């Protein structure tokens, strides 16, 4: 089981950009995540093909389960 925190930003060109954080601390503190996302935008350190990050759109925890089967 692998969990990730997906931070979703709106870009200056109206597209969506995502930053994914592996193994987030749970429970997720929504206010702290929003504040961190606003700081990321203010720092202007990420540029995507869709432009600079401009607004906070949302965040979500994605839980992925993988079951592998050995084929003999």
Protein backbone atom coordinates (compact mmCIF):
# COMPACT_ATOMS: atom_id res chain seq x y z
CA UNK A 1 0.00 0.00 0.00
CA UNK A 2 1.46 3.32 -1.06
CA UNK A 3 -0.03 6.68 -0.11
CA UNK A 4 0.75 9.99 -1.72
CA UNK A 5 -0.40 13.54 -1.11
CA UNK A 6 -1.29 15.20 -4.41
CA UNK A 7 -1.17 19.00 -4.36
CA UNK A 8 -3.23 20.52 -7.18
CA UNK A 9 -2.49 24.03 -8.45
CA UNK A 10 -4.06 26.19 -11.12
CA UNK A 11 -1.48 27.69 -13.48
CA UNK A 12 -1.34 31.11 -15.07
CA UNK A 13 -2.71 29.63 -18.30
CA UNK A 14 -5.74 28.01 -16.64
CA UNK A 15 -4.38 24.45 -16.57
CA UNK A 16 -3.86 22.16 -13.59
CA UNK A 17 -0.40 21.21 -12.29
CA UNK A 18 0.30 18.67 -9.57
CA UNK A 19 3.07 18.10 -7.05
CA UNK A 20 3.08 14.64 -5.44
CA UNK A 21 4.53 13.94 -1.98
CA UNK A 22 5.19 10.31 -1.00
CA UNK A 23 4.16 8.93 2.40
CA UNK A 24 2.38 11.99 3.83
CA UNK A 25 2.00 12.39 7.58
CA UNK A 26 -1.53 11.50 8.58
CA UNK A 27 -3.96 12.79 9.50
CA UNK A 28 -3.41 15.56 6.97
CA UNK A 29 -3.67 19.05 8.46
CA UNK A 30 -5.67 20.87 5.78
CA UNK A 31 -4.77 24.35 7.01
CA UNK A 32 -1.05 23.51 7.04
CA UNK A 33 -1.25 22.03 3.54
CA UNK A 34 -3.03 25.11 2.19
CA UNK A 35 -0.47 27.41 3.84
CA UNK A 36 2.41 25.37 2.38
CA UNK A 37 0.82 25.49 -1.08
CA UNK A 38 0.42 29.27 -0.84
CA UNK A 39 4.10 29.55 0.15
CA UNK A 40 5.08 27.42 -2.86
CA UNK A 41 3.13 29.78 -5.13
CA UNK A 42 4.63 32.88 -3.47
CA UNK A 43 8.19 31.51 -3.80
CA UNK A 44 7.63 31.07 -7.57
CA UNK A 45 10.20 28.27 -7.75
CA UNK A 46 8.26 25.87 -9.98
CA UNK A 47 7.54 26.43 -13.65
CA UNK A 48 5.53 23.94 -15.64
CA UNK A 49 4.76 23.56 -19.32
CA UNK A 50 1.40 25.11 -18.42
CA UNK A 51 3.02 28.16 -16.82
CA UNK A 52 3.74 29.32 -13.29
CA UNK A 53 1.68 28.04 -10.38
CA UNK A 54 -0.99 30.67 -9.67
CA UNK A 55 -3.72 29.38 -7.33
CA UNK A 56 -4.44 26.57 -4.88
CA UNK A 57 -7.02 24.20 -6.39
CA UNK A 58 -7.00 21.34 -3.91
CA UNK A 59 -5.20 18.46 -2.30
CA UNK A 60 -5.95 14.80 -1.88
CA UNK A 61 -4.45 11.65 -0.42
CA UNK A 62 -4.24 8.84 -2.96
CA UNK A 63 -4.06 5.32 -1.55
CA UNK A 64 -2.79 2.75 -4.02
CA UNK A 65 -2.91 -0.98 -3.35
CA UNK A 66 -0.96 -3.37 -5.56
CA UNK A 67 -1.29 -7.13 -5.39
CA UNK A 68 1.39 -9.05 -7.23
CA UNK A 69 1.03 -12.66 -8.27
CA UNK A 70 3.96 -14.90 -8.95
CA UNK A 71 3.53 -16.69 -12.24
CA UNK A 72 5.39 -19.96 -12.39
